Protein backbone atom coordinates (compact mmCIF):
# COMPACT_ATOMS: atom_id res chain seq x y z
CA MET A 1 0.00 0.00 0.00
CA GLU A 2 1.24 3.45 -0.89
CA ALA A 3 -0.24 6.60 0.64
CA ILE A 4 -0.25 10.03 -0.97
CA GLN A 5 0.14 13.12 1.19
CA SER A 6 -2.18 15.96 0.19
CA PRO A 7 -3.84 18.98 1.73
CA LEU A 8 -7.58 18.73 2.37
CA LEU A 9 -10.33 21.00 1.04
CA CYS A 10 -13.86 20.73 2.47
CA TYR A 11 -17.17 21.52 0.77
CA PRO A 12 -20.20 21.69 3.10
CA MET A 13 -23.54 21.46 1.32
CA ARG A 14 -27.23 20.71 1.79
CA PHE A 15 -29.43 18.66 -0.50
CA GLU A 16 -33.11 19.65 -0.37
CA PRO A 17 -36.26 17.48 -0.46
CA GLY A 18 -36.58 15.40 -3.62
CA ALA A 19 -32.91 15.64 -4.63
CA ASP A 20 -31.11 12.49 -5.72
CA LEU A 21 -28.18 12.36 -3.30
CA GLN A 22 -25.85 10.05 -5.25
CA LYS A 23 -26.40 11.76 -8.60
CA GLY A 24 -26.02 15.20 -6.97
CA LEU A 25 -22.74 14.30 -5.28
CA LEU A 26 -21.27 12.79 -8.45
CA LYS A 27 -22.37 15.82 -10.49
CA PHE A 28 -20.84 18.22 -7.93
CA THR A 29 -17.57 16.27 -8.08
CA GLU A 30 -17.49 16.30 -11.87
CA ASP A 31 -18.63 19.93 -12.27
CA ASN A 32 -15.89 21.10 -9.91
CA GLY A 33 -13.12 18.89 -11.32
CA LEU A 34 -12.43 17.21 -7.97
CA SER A 35 -9.77 14.56 -8.61
CA ALA A 36 -9.82 12.85 -5.19
CA ALA A 37 -13.21 13.56 -3.57
CA PHE A 38 -14.88 11.59 -0.80
CA VAL A 39 -17.72 11.89 1.72
CA ILE A 40 -16.54 13.07 5.13
CA THR A 41 -19.97 13.02 6.78
CA CYS A 42 -23.66 12.99 5.93
CA VAL A 43 -26.81 13.26 8.05
CA GLY A 44 -30.40 13.60 6.95
CA SER A 45 -33.29 11.52 5.73
CA VAL A 46 -34.46 9.72 2.59
CA THR A 47 -37.69 8.39 1.13
CA LYS A 48 -35.93 5.95 -1.18
CA ALA A 49 -32.58 4.17 -1.21
CA THR A 50 -31.47 1.52 -3.70
CA LEU A 51 -28.70 -0.67 -2.29
CA ARG A 52 -26.83 -3.79 -3.40
CA MET A 53 -26.33 -6.30 -0.62
CA ALA A 54 -22.84 -7.43 0.46
CA ASN A 55 -21.07 -9.96 -1.77
CA SER A 56 -24.26 -10.42 -3.76
CA THR A 57 -26.12 -9.42 -6.89
CA THR A 58 -29.25 -8.81 -4.77
CA ILE A 59 -30.50 -5.23 -5.06
CA LYS A 60 -33.08 -3.91 -2.60
CA THR A 61 -35.02 -0.68 -2.82
CA TYR A 62 -36.20 0.76 0.49
CA GLU A 63 -39.11 3.19 0.28
CA GLY A 64 -40.62 5.09 3.20
CA HIS A 65 -39.10 7.44 5.74
CA PHE A 66 -35.55 6.58 6.80
CA GLU A 67 -32.77 8.37 8.66
CA ILE A 68 -29.31 8.38 7.10
CA VAL A 69 -27.14 6.62 9.66
CA SER A 70 -24.03 6.63 7.50
CA LEU A 71 -22.85 7.54 4.01
CA VAL A 72 -19.21 6.84 3.21
CA GLY A 73 -17.06 6.39 0.16
CA THR A 74 -15.22 7.95 -2.73
CA LEU A 75 -16.76 10.23 -5.36
CA SER A 76 -14.11 10.75 -8.02
CA SER A 77 -13.84 8.43 -11.02
CA GLY A 78 -17.48 7.35 -10.87
CA GLY A 79 -17.74 6.96 -7.12
CA HIS A 80 -18.06 4.07 -4.70
CA LEU A 81 -20.54 4.72 -1.90
CA HIS A 82 -21.93 2.64 0.96
CA MET A 83 -24.95 3.70 3.00
CA SER A 84 -26.79 2.70 6.15
CA ILE A 85 -30.36 3.85 6.85
CA SER A 86 -32.68 3.24 9.80
CA ASP A 87 -36.46 3.00 10.06
CA ALA A 88 -38.84 4.22 12.78
CA GLU A 89 -38.21 1.08 14.88
CA GLY A 90 -34.43 1.50 14.72
CA ASN A 91 -33.85 -1.32 12.23
CA VAL A 92 -30.75 -0.59 10.15
CA PHE A 93 -30.27 -1.56 6.52
CA GLY A 94 -27.15 -0.99 4.50
CA GLY A 95 -25.16 -1.79 1.41
CA HIS A 96 -23.50 -0.47 -1.73
CA VAL A 97 -25.39 2.52 -3.18
CA PHE A 98 -26.67 1.17 -6.47
CA GLY A 99 -29.29 3.64 -7.64
CA ASP A 100 -31.70 6.30 -6.49
CA VAL A 101 -31.20 7.87 -3.06
CA ILE A 102 -33.98 10.44 -2.74
CA VAL A 103 -33.81 13.07 0.03
CA TYR A 104 -36.84 13.40 2.34
CA THR A 105 -36.26 16.54 4.44
CA THR A 106 -32.54 17.23 4.11
CA ALA A 107 -29.13 15.73 3.53
CA GLU A 108 -26.31 17.71 5.10
CA VAL A 109 -23.04 16.58 3.54
CA ILE A 110 -19.42 17.56 3.83
CA VAL A 111 -17.36 16.48 0.84
CA GLY A 112 -13.59 16.41 1.13
CA ASN A 113 -11.08 16.60 -1.70
CA CYS A 114 -7.34 15.94 -1.72
CA PRO A 115 -6.15 18.27 -4.49
CA GLY A 116 -2.67 16.71 -4.50
CA ALA A 117 -4.02 13.30 -5.48
CA VAL A 118 -5.90 11.63 -8.32
CA MET A 119 -8.27 8.69 -7.72
CA ASN A 120 -9.01 6.27 -10.54
CA ARG A 121 -10.46 2.77 -10.86
CA GLU A 122 -8.59 -0.03 -12.58
CA GLU A 123 -9.39 -3.71 -13.07
CA ASP A 124 -7.83 -5.83 -10.31
CA LYS A 125 -7.27 -9.40 -11.51
CA ARG A 126 -7.33 -10.66 -7.90
CA THR A 127 -10.84 -9.34 -7.17
CA GLY A 128 -12.40 -9.12 -10.63
CA TYR A 129 -13.55 -5.56 -9.92
CA LYS A 130 -12.39 -2.10 -10.81
CA GLU A 131 -10.57 -1.07 -7.63
CA LEU A 132 -9.26 2.26 -6.38
CA THR A 133 -5.86 3.51 -7.45
CA VAL A 134 -4.33 6.70 -6.09
CA GLN A 135 -1.49 8.71 -7.62
CA SER A 136 0.10 12.07 -6.90
CA LYS A 137 -1.37 14.79 -9.07
CA PRO A 138 1.17 15.93 -11.66
């Protein structure tokens, strides 16, 4: 493993009711040319979240009123996000963000970017997936 040292820039933002959280974050990253962006923190609520279950092809769509318990991951180079949501009884559901994530009342997000680094995704023969690669920004 090689680590890249880079300063950190932070972008606080709020997504309003009806916004698609994943699409909005990826668009923000692309529109602003962020080469190594990631989610620092996110709180809020959703009415819909489409998640792929761990080590599976099973995709579940949760519809109703849910609190965002966690949203983590990278945003540059197409993104890789994982999310946990909870219902009114405190049941928690989570997985790989695979589609629509629609904001209910708010989503307060802080996006970080390491301007001295570039994140990409390259095929890893060991895993069979496109995995994160990080290089110093030229």
